[in-house]
Amino acid sequence: MRAIKTSTGVEITLDGDLLAVVETLFQEVTVRHELERTFEDMMREIRHLAEQLTPEELRAYLIESVFLNTVTYENERLGALMRKLGDE
């Protein structure tokens, strides 16, 4: 399996697992900066990783990302609705 590297040299195996990429980003950007990272820090690292992907890999990870974000959005909306109904 192919791997890409973060700007700090940490390898990420490309096995289609978006959460592995997200976890590595969290560790290498957020934790490494002791929660003092900026939007620009995270975007710079994401761009660094994306530049190493083939067009097919980019497409696959985009699709998984949009799916995951859609599910998260739905869950947040449903949670808000359930809280609202519970308050009534």
PDB file of N, CA and C in Angstrom:
ATOM      1  N   MET A   1       0.825  -1.183   0.000  1.00  0.00           N
ATOM      2  CA  MET A   1       0.000   0.000   0.000  1.00  0.00           C
ATOM      3  C   MET A   1       0.874   1.253   0.000  1.00  0.00           C
ATOM      4  N   ARG A   2       0.407   2.247  -0.696  1.00  0.00           N
ATOM      5  CA  ARG A   2       1.127   3.511  -0.798  1.00  0.00           C
ATOM      6  C   ARG A   2       0.946   4.342   0.467  1.00  0.00           C
ATOM      7  N   ALA A   3       1.908   5.195   0.734  1.00  0.00           N
ATOM      8  CA  ALA A   3       1.818   6.088   1.890  1.00  0.00           C
ATOM      9  C   ALA A   3       2.233   7.491   1.481  1.00  0.00           C
ATOM     10  N   ILE A   4       1.712   8.465   2.211  1.00  0.00           N
ATOM     11  CA  ILE A   4       2.137   9.853   2.066  1.00  0.00           C
ATOM     12  C   ILE A   4       2.707  10.287   3.409  1.00  0.00           C
ATOM     13  N   LYS A   5       3.376  11.432   3.429  1.00  0.00           N
ATOM     14  CA  LYS A   5       3.997  11.903   4.670  1.00  0.00           C
ATOM     15  C   LYS A   5       3.536  13.305   5.012  1.00  0.00           C
ATOM     16  N   THR A   6       3.393  13.534   6.305  1.00  0.00           N
ATOM     17  CA  THR A   6       3.116  14.881   6.783  1.00  0.00           C
ATOM     18  C   THR A   6       4.380  15.716   6.635  1.00  0.00           C
ATOM     19  N   SER A   7       4.267  17.000   6.866  1.00  0.00           N
ATOM     20  CA  SER A   7       5.441  17.869   6.765  1.00  0.00           C
ATOM     21  C   SER A   7       6.473  17.554   7.845  1.00  0.00           C
ATOM     22  N   THR A   8       6.046  16.841   8.898  1.00  0.00           N
ATOM     23  CA  THR A   8       6.979  16.431   9.953  1.00  0.00           C
ATOM     24  C   THR A   8       7.537  15.030   9.724  1.00  0.00           C
ATOM     25  N   GLY A   9       7.132  14.391   8.612  1.00  0.00           N
ATOM     26  CA  GLY A   9       7.674  13.091   8.253  1.00  0.00           C
ATOM     27  C   GLY A   9       6.885  11.883   8.710  1.00  0.00           C
ATOM     28  N   VAL A  10       5.717  12.094   9.303  1.00  0.00           N
ATOM     29  CA  VAL A  10       4.888  10.972   9.746  1.00  0.00           C
ATOM     30  C   VAL A  10       4.172  10.369   8.541  1.00  0.00           C
ATOM     31  N   GLU A  11       4.276   9.056   8.389  1.00  0.00           N
ATOM     32  CA  GLU A  11       3.644   8.366   7.264  1.00  0.00           C
ATOM     33  C   GLU A  11       2.176   8.077   7.536  1.00  0.00           C
ATOM     34  N   ILE A  12       1.382   8.230   6.481  1.00  0.00           N
ATOM     35  CA  ILE A  12      -0.031   7.857   6.514  1.00  0.00           C
ATOM     36  C   ILE A  12      -0.254   6.870   5.387  1.00  0.00           C
ATOM     37  N   THR A  13      -0.654   5.664   5.732  1.00  0.00           N
ATOM     38  CA  THR A  13      -0.948   4.644   4.725  1.00  0.00           C
ATOM     39  C   THR A  13      -2.263   4.989   4.046  1.00  0.00           C
ATOM     40  N   LEU A  14      -2.266   4.963   2.734  1.00  0.00           N
ATOM     41  CA  LEU A  14      -3.470   5.273   1.968  1.00  0.00           C
ATOM     42  C   LEU A  14      -4.276   4.005   1.740  1.00  0.00           C
ATOM     43  N   ASP A  15      -5.158   3.747   2.671  1.00  0.00           N
ATOM     44  CA  ASP A  15      -6.008   2.564   2.566  1.00  0.00           C
ATOM     45  C   ASP A  15      -7.484   2.944   2.473  1.00  0.00           C
ATOM     46  N   GLY A  16      -7.745   4.229   2.162  1.00  0.00           N
ATOM     47  CA  GLY A  16      -9.123   4.699   2.046  1.00  0.00           C
ATOM     48  C   GLY A  16      -9.744   5.116   3.358  1.00  0.00           C
ATOM     49  N   ASP A  17      -8.981   5.069   4.439  1.00  0.00           N
ATOM     50  CA  ASP A  17      -9.506   5.390   5.767  1.00  0.00           C
ATOM     51  C   ASP A  17      -9.311   6.866   6.070  1.00  0.00           C
ATOM     52  N   LEU A  18     -10.347   7.657   5.837  1.00  0.00           N
ATOM     53  CA  LEU A  18     -10.281   9.093   6.083  1.00  0.00           C
ATOM     54  C   LEU A  18      -9.982   9.395   7.544  1.00  0.00           C
ATOM     55  N   LEU A  19     -10.523   8.601   8.459  1.00  0.00           N
ATOM     56  CA  LEU A  19     -10.300   8.870   9.880  1.00  0.00           C
ATOM     57  C   LEU A  19      -8.834   8.733  10.268  1.00  0.00           C
ATOM     58  N   ALA A  20      -8.087   7.893   9.576  1.00  0.00           N
ATOM     59  CA  ALA A  20      -6.645   7.793   9.836  1.00  0.00           C
ATOM     60  C   ALA A  20      -5.957   9.096   9.458  1.00  0.00           C
ATOM     61  N   VAL A  21      -6.385   9.705   8.373  1.00  0.00           N
ATOM     62  CA  VAL A  21      -5.821  10.987   7.949  1.00  0.00           C
ATOM     63  C   VAL A  21      -6.194  12.070   8.950  1.00  0.00           C
ATOM     64  N   VAL A  22      -7.457  12.102   9.356  1.00  0.00           N
ATOM     65  CA  VAL A  22      -7.930  13.104  10.317  1.00  0.00           C
ATOM     66  C   VAL A  22      -7.205  12.961  11.645  1.00  0.00           C
ATOM     67  N   GLU A  23      -7.047  11.740  12.120  1.00  0.00           N
ATOM     68  CA  GLU A  23      -6.343  11.506  13.394  1.00  0.00           C
ATOM     69  C   GLU A  23      -4.891  11.965  13.309  1.00  0.00           C
ATOM     70  N   THR A  24      -4.245  11.680  12.193  1.00  0.00           N
ATOM     71  CA  THR A  24      -2.858  12.115  12.030  1.00  0.00           C
ATOM     72  C   THR A  24      -2.776  13.635  11.986  1.00  0.00           C
ATOM     73  N   LEU A  25      -3.707  14.278  11.286  1.00  0.00           N
ATOM     74  CA  LEU A  25      -3.735  15.739  11.269  1.00  0.00           C
ATOM     75  C   LEU A  25      -3.918  16.292  12.678  1.00  0.00           C
ATOM     76  N   PHE A  26      -4.805  15.693  13.436  1.00  0.00           N
ATOM     77  CA  PHE A  26      -5.034  16.135  14.818  1.00  0.00           C
ATOM     78  C   PHE A  26      -3.745  16.027  15.629  1.00  0.00           C
ATOM     79  N   GLN A  27      -3.093  14.877  15.536  1.00  0.00           N
ATOM     80  CA  GLN A  27      -1.866  14.670  16.308  1.00  0.00           C
ATOM     81  C   GLN A  27      -0.744  15.600  15.867  1.00  0.00           C
ATOM     82  N   GLU A  28      -0.556  15.726  14.559  1.00  0.00           N
ATOM     83  CA  GLU A  28       0.588  16.462  14.035  1.00  0.00           C
ATOM     84  C   GLU A  28       0.401  17.972  13.994  1.00  0.00           C
ATOM     85  N   VAL A  29      -0.825  18.444  13.954  1.00  0.00           N
ATOM     86  CA  VAL A  29      -1.048  19.891  13.915  1.00  0.00           C
ATOM     87  C   VAL A  29      -1.592  20.393  15.246  1.00  0.00           C
ATOM     88  N   THR A  30      -2.681  19.816  15.710  1.00  0.00           N
ATOM     89  CA  THR A  30      -3.323  20.322  16.919  1.00  0.00           C
ATOM     90  C   THR A  30      -2.533  19.959  18.178  1.00  0.00           C
ATOM     91  N   VAL A  31      -2.232  18.688  18.375  1.00  0.00           N
ATOM     92  CA  VAL A  31      -1.524  18.269  19.587  1.00  0.00           C
ATOM     93  C   VAL A  31      -0.092  18.790  19.587  1.00  0.00           C
ATOM     94  N   ARG A  32       0.576  18.681  18.468  1.00  0.00           N
ATOM     95  CA  ARG A  32       1.976  19.133  18.384  1.00  0.00           C
ATOM     96  C   ARG A  32       2.094  20.616  18.735  1.00  0.00           C
ATOM     97  N   HIS A  33       1.088  21.397  18.385  1.00  0.00           N
ATOM     98  CA  HIS A  33       1.097  22.831  18.700  1.00  0.00           C
ATOM     99  C   HIS A  33       0.399  23.125  20.033  1.00  0.00           C
ATOM    100  N   GLU A  34       0.157  22.075  20.812  1.00  0.00           N
ATOM    101  CA  GLU A  34      -0.481  22.201  22.135  1.00  0.00           C
ATOM    102  C   GLU A  34      -1.779  23.007  22.052  1.00  0.00           C
ATOM    103  N   LEU A  35      -2.611  22.662  21.066  1.00  0.00           N
ATOM    104  CA  LEU A  35      -3.919  23.270  20.813  1.00  0.00           C
ATOM    105  C   LEU A  35      -3.828  24.724  20.356  1.00  0.00           C
ATOM    106  N   GLU A  36      -2.645  25.213  20.062  1.00  0.00           N
ATOM    107  CA  GLU A  36      -2.440  26.598  19.639  1.00  0.00           C
ATOM    108  C   GLU A  36      -2.226  26.695  18.134  1.00  0.00           C
ATOM    109  N   ARG A  37      -2.875  25.875  17.392  1.00  0.00           N
ATOM    110  CA  ARG A  37      -2.725  25.914  15.946  1.00  0.00           C
ATOM    111  C   ARG A  37      -3.731  26.900  15.366  1.00  0.00           C
ATOM    112  N   THR A  38      -3.466  27.322  14.145  1.00  0.00           N
ATOM    113  CA  THR A  38      -4.362  28.251  13.464  1.00  0.00           C
ATOM    114  C   THR A  38      -5.026  27.557  12.279  1.00  0.00           C
ATOM    115  N   PHE A  39      -5.995  28.232  11.731  1.00  0.00           N
ATOM    116  CA  PHE A  39      -6.641  27.761  10.509  1.00  0.00           C
ATOM    117  C   PHE A  39      -5.586  27.560   9.426  1.00  0.00           C
ATOM    118  N   GLU A  40      -4.673  28.517   9.315  1.00  0.00           N
ATOM    119  CA  GLU A  40      -3.625  28.451   8.300  1.00  0.00           C
ATOM    120  C   GLU A  40      -2.704  27.257   8.507  1.00  0.00           C
ATOM    121  N   ASP A  41      -2.371  26.943   9.780  1.00  0.00           N
ATOM    122  CA  ASP A  41      -1.536  25.778  10.082  1.00  0.00           C
ATOM    123  C   ASP A  41      -2.184  24.501   9.550  1.00  0.00           C
ATOM    124  N   MET A  42      -3.475  24.346   9.842  1.00  0.00           N
ATOM    125  CA  MET A  42      -4.181  23.129   9.421  1.00  0.00           C
ATOM    126  C   MET A  42      -4.317  23.089   7.902  1.00  0.00           C
ATOM    127  N   MET A  43      -4.673  24.205   7.293  1.00  0.00           N
ATOM    128  CA  MET A  43      -4.826  24.229   5.844  1.00  0.00           C
ATOM    129  C   MET A  43      -3.505  23.949   5.136  1.00  0.00           C
ATOM    130  N   ARG A  44      -2.412  24.466   5.666  1.00  0.00           N
ATOM    131  CA  ARG A  44      -1.087  24.219   5.078  1.00  0.00           C
ATOM    132  C   ARG A  44      -0.772  22.722   5.095  1.00  0.00           C
ATOM    133  N   GLU A  45      -1.082  22.059   6.202  1.00  0.00           N
ATOM    134  CA  GLU A  45      -0.808  20.618   6.307  1.00  0.00           C
ATOM    135  C   GLU A  45      -1.731  19.813   5.398  1.00  0.00           C
ATOM    136  N   ILE A  46      -2.992  20.196   5.327  1.00  0.00           N
ATOM    137  CA  ILE A  46      -3.931  19.499   4.439  1.00  0.00           C
ATOM    138  C   ILE A  46      -3.481  19.652   2.988  1.00  0.00           C
ATOM    139  N   ARG A  47      -3.088  20.844   2.604  1.00  0.00           N
ATOM    140  CA  ARG A  47      -2.584  21.057   1.234  1.00  0.00           C
ATOM    141  C   ARG A  47      -1.339  20.213   0.966  1.00  0.00           C
ATOM    142  N   HIS A  48      -0.455  20.147   1.963  1.00  0.00           N
ATOM    143  CA  HIS A  48       0.763  19.348   1.822  1.00  0.00           C
ATOM    144  C   HIS A  48       0.405  17.880   1.548  1.00  0.00           C
ATOM    145  N   LEU A  49      -0.568  17.362   2.265  1.00  0.00           N
ATOM    146  CA  LEU A  49      -0.988  15.974   2.059  1.00  0.00           C
ATOM    147  C   LEU A  49      -1.676  15.818   0.704  1.00  0.00           C
ATOM    148  N   ALA A  50      -2.563  16.745   0.363  1.00  0.00           N
ATOM    149  CA  ALA A  50      -3.319  16.648  -0.893  1.00  0.00           C
ATOM    150  C   ALA A  50      -2.406  16.668  -2.111  1.00  0.00           C
ATOM    151  N   GLU A  51      -1.322  17.435  -2.032  1.00  0.00           N
ATOM    152  CA  GLU A  51      -0.382  17.514  -3.155  1.00  0.00           C
ATOM    153  C   GLU A  51       0.303  16.180  -3.446  1.00  0.00           C
ATOM    154  N   GLN A  52       0.275  15.279  -2.494  1.00  0.00           N
ATOM    155  CA  GLN A  52       0.914  13.970  -2.678  1.00  0.00           C
ATOM    156  C   GLN A  52      -0.046  12.920  -3.242  1.00  0.00           C
ATOM    157  N   LEU A  53      -1.323  13.255  -3.327  1.00  0.00           N
ATOM    158  CA  LEU A  53      -2.334  12.303  -3.786  1.00  0.00           C
ATOM    159  C   LEU A  53      -2.505  12.354  -5.301  1.00  0.00           C
ATOM    160  N   THR A  54      -2.806  11.216  -5.866  1.00  0.00           N
ATOM    161  CA  THR A  54      -3.153  11.155  -7.288  1.00  0.00           C
ATOM    162  C   THR A  54      -4.581  11.700  -7.451  1.00  0.00           C
ATOM    163  N   PRO A  55      -4.972  12.047  -8.662  1.00  0.00           N
ATOM    164  CA  PRO A  55      -6.359  12.497  -8.862  1.00  0.00           C
ATOM    165  C   PRO A  55      -7.395  11.467  -8.393  1.00  0.00           C
ATOM    166  N   GLU A  56      -7.120  10.195  -8.600  1.00  0.00           N
ATOM    167  CA  GLU A  56      -8.050   9.152  -8.165  1.00  0.00           C
ATOM    168  C   GLU A  56      -8.145   9.100  -6.638  1.00  0.00           C
ATOM    169  N   GLU A  57      -6.997   9.225  -5.958  1.00  0.00           N
ATOM    170  CA  GLU A  57      -6.993   9.225  -4.489  1.00  0.00           C
ATOM    171  C   GLU A  57      -7.707  10.457  -3.948  1.00  0.00           C
ATOM    172  N   LEU A  58      -7.457  11.610  -4.576  1.00  0.00           N
ATOM    173  CA  LEU A  58      -8.154  12.836  -4.166  1.00  0.00           C
ATOM    174  C   LEU A  58      -9.662  12.664  -4.275  1.00  0.00           C
ATOM    175  N   ARG A  59     -10.113  12.109  -5.385  1.00  0.00           N
ATOM    176  CA  ARG A  59     -11.540  11.880  -5.593  1.00  0.00           C
ATOM    177  C   ARG A  59     -12.114  10.963  -4.521  1.00  0.00           C
ATOM    178  N   ALA A  60     -11.425   9.873  -4.236  1.00  0.00           N
ATOM    179  CA  ALA A  60     -11.914   8.911  -3.243  1.00  0.00           C
ATOM    180  C   ALA A  60     -11.989   9.543  -1.852  1.00  0.00           C
ATOM    181  N   TYR A  61     -10.952  10.283  -1.470  1.00  0.00           N
ATOM    182  CA  TYR A  61     -10.953  10.905  -0.149  1.00  0.00           C
ATOM    183  C   TYR A  61     -11.950  12.054  -0.067  1.00  0.00           C
ATOM    184  N   LEU A  62     -12.178  12.779  -1.166  1.00  0.00           N
ATOM    185  CA  LEU A  62     -13.207  13.821  -1.182  1.00  0.00           C
ATOM    186  C   LEU A  62     -14.583  13.209  -0.972  1.00  0.00           C
ATOM    187  N   ILE A  63     -14.865  12.128  -1.678  1.00  0.00           N
ATOM    188  CA  ILE A  63     -16.158  11.468  -1.544  1.00  0.00           C
ATOM    189  C   ILE A  63     -16.372  11.010  -0.108  1.00  0.00           C
ATOM    190  N   GLU A  64     -15.368  10.385   0.486  1.00  0.00           N
ATOM    191  CA  GLU A  64     -15.505   9.930   1.872  1.00  0.00           C
ATOM    192  C   GLU A  64     -15.671  11.116   2.817  1.00  0.00           C
ATOM    193  N   SER A  65     -14.944  12.201   2.565  1.00  0.00           N
ATOM    194  CA  SER A  65     -15.032  13.389   3.402  1.00  0.00           C
ATOM    195  C   SER A  65     -16.424  14.014   3.342  1.00  0.00           C
ATOM    196  N   VAL A  66     -16.975  14.156   2.141  1.00  0.00           N
ATOM    197  CA  VAL A  66     -18.312  14.724   2.000  1.00  0.00           C
ATOM    198  C   VAL A  66     -19.342  13.817   2.681  1.00  0.00           C
ATOM    199  N   PHE A  67     -19.199  12.522   2.518  1.00  0.00           N
ATOM    200  CA  PHE A  67     -20.118  11.590   3.181  1.00  0.00           C
ATOM    201  C   PHE A  67     -20.044  11.743   4.698  1.00  0.00           C
ATOM    202  N   LEU A  68     -18.839  11.730   5.242  1.00  0.00           N
ATOM    203  CA  LEU A  68     -18.667  11.852   6.688  1.00  0.00           C
ATOM    204  C   LEU A  68     -19.221  13.175   7.196  1.00  0.00           C
ATOM    205  N   ASN A  69     -18.977  14.255   6.478  1.00  0.00           N
ATOM    206  CA  ASN A  69     -19.497  15.558   6.888  1.00  0.00           C
ATOM    207  C   ASN A  69     -21.013  15.620   6.797  1.00  0.00           C
ATOM    208  N   THR A  70     -21.589  14.959   5.814  1.00  0.00           N
ATOM    209  CA  THR A  70     -23.048  14.914   5.691  1.00  0.00           C
ATOM    210  C   THR A  70     -23.663  14.176   6.866  1.00  0.00           C
ATOM    211  N   VAL A  71     -23.091  13.042   7.235  1.00  0.00           N
ATOM    212  CA  VAL A  71     -23.597  12.273   8.380  1.00  0.00           C
ATOM    213  C   VAL A  71     -23.454  13.078   9.665  1.00  0.00           C
ATOM    214  N   THR A  72     -22.309  13.738   9.844  1.00  0.00           N
ATOM    215  CA  THR A  72     -22.093  14.572  11.027  1.00  0.00           C
ATOM    216  C   THR A  72     -23.114  15.701  11.072  1.00  0.00           C
ATOM    217  N   TYR A  73     -23.335  16.355   9.955  1.00  0.00           N
ATOM    218  CA  TYR A  73     -24.315  17.438   9.870  1.00  0.00           C
ATOM    219  C   TYR A  73     -25.713  16.933  10.227  1.00  0.00           C
ATOM    220  N   GLU A  74     -26.096  15.793   9.645  1.00  0.00           N
ATOM    221  CA  GLU A  74     -27.414  15.215   9.944  1.00  0.00           C
ATOM    222  C   GLU A  74     -27.549  14.912  11.427  1.00  0.00           C
ATOM    223  N   ASN A  75     -26.512  14.320  12.016  1.00  0.00           N
ATOM    224  CA  ASN A  75     -26.565  13.979  13.440  1.00  0.00           C
ATOM    225  C   ASN A  75     -26.689  15.228  14.311  1.00  0.00           C
ATOM    226  N   GLU A  76     -25.977  16.290  13.950  1.00  0.00           N
ATOM    227  CA  GLU A  76     -26.070  17.541  14.710  1.00  0.00           C
ATOM    228  C   GLU A  76     -27.462  18.147  14.586  1.00  0.00           C
ATOM    229  N   ARG A  77     -28.018  18.132  13.393  1.00  0.00           N
ATOM    230  CA  ARG A  77     -29.375  18.666  13.194  1.00  0.00           C
ATOM    231  C   ARG A  77     -30.404  17.847  13.960  1.00  0.00           C
ATOM    232  N   LEU A  78     -30.289  16.520  13.884  1.00  0.00           N
ATOM    233  CA  LEU A  78     -31.228  15.670  14.612  1.00  0.00           C
ATOM    234  C   LEU A  78     -31.074  15.850  16.122  1.00  0.00           C
ATOM    235  N   GLY A  79     -29.828  15.997  16.591  1.00  0.00           N
ATOM    236  CA  GLY A  79     -29.593  16.234  18.013  1.00  0.00           C
ATOM    237  C   GLY A  79     -30.241  17.526  18.478  1.00  0.00           C
ATOM    238  N   ALA A  80     -30.116  18.582  17.675  1.00  0.00           N
ATOM    239  CA  ALA A  80     -30.733  19.864  18.016  1.00  0.00           C
ATOM    240  C   ALA A  80     -32.256  19.739  18.042  1.00  0.00           C
ATOM    241  N   LEU A  81     -32.808  19.013  17.094  1.00  0.00           N
ATOM    242  CA  LEU A  81     -34.249  18.803  17.057  1.00  0.00           C
ATOM    243  C   LEU A  81     -34.725  18.021  18.283  1.00  0.00           C
ATOM    244  N   MET A  82     -33.977  16.985  18.648  1.00  0.00           N
ATOM    245  CA  MET A  82     -34.350  16.185  19.821  1.00  0.00           C
ATOM    246  C   MET A  82     -34.274  17.020  21.102  1.00  0.00           C
ATOM    247  N   ARG A  83     -33.262  17.894  21.225  1.00  0.00           N
ATOM    248  CA  ARG A  83     -33.162  18.768  22.398  1.00  0.00           C
ATOM    249  C   ARG A  83     -34.337  19.736  22.436  1.00  0.00           C
ATOM    250  N   LYS A  84     -34.700  20.268  21.264  1.00  0.00           N
ATOM    251  CA  LYS A  84     -35.813  21.206  21.188  1.00  0.00           C
ATOM    252  C   LYS A  84     -37.112  20.512  21.592  1.00  0.00           C
ATOM    253  N   LEU A  85     -37.311  19.305  21.100  1.00  0.00           N
ATOM    254  CA  LEU A  85     -38.515  18.550  21.457  1.00  0.00           C
ATOM    255  C   LEU A  85     -38.526  18.201  22.941  1.00  0.00           C
ATOM    256  N   GLY A  86     -37.362  17.951  23.516  1.00  0.00           N
ATOM    257  CA  GLY A  86     -37.268  17.640  24.935  1.00  0.00           C
ATOM    258  C   GLY A  86     -37.574  18.827  25.818  1.00  0.00           C
ATOM    259  N   ASP A  87     -37.337  20.039  25.304  1.00  0.00           N
ATOM    260  CA  ASP A  87     -37.615  21.259  26.062  1.00  0.00           C
ATOM    261  C   ASP A  87     -39.085  21.626  26.067  1.00  0.00           C
ATOM    262  N   GLU A  88     -39.832  21.057  25.137  1.00  0.00           N
ATOM    263  CA  GLU A  88     -41.259  21.418  25.020  1.00  0.00           C
ATOM    264  C   GLU A  88     -42.109  20.671  25.986  1.00  0.00           C
TER     265      GLU A  88
END
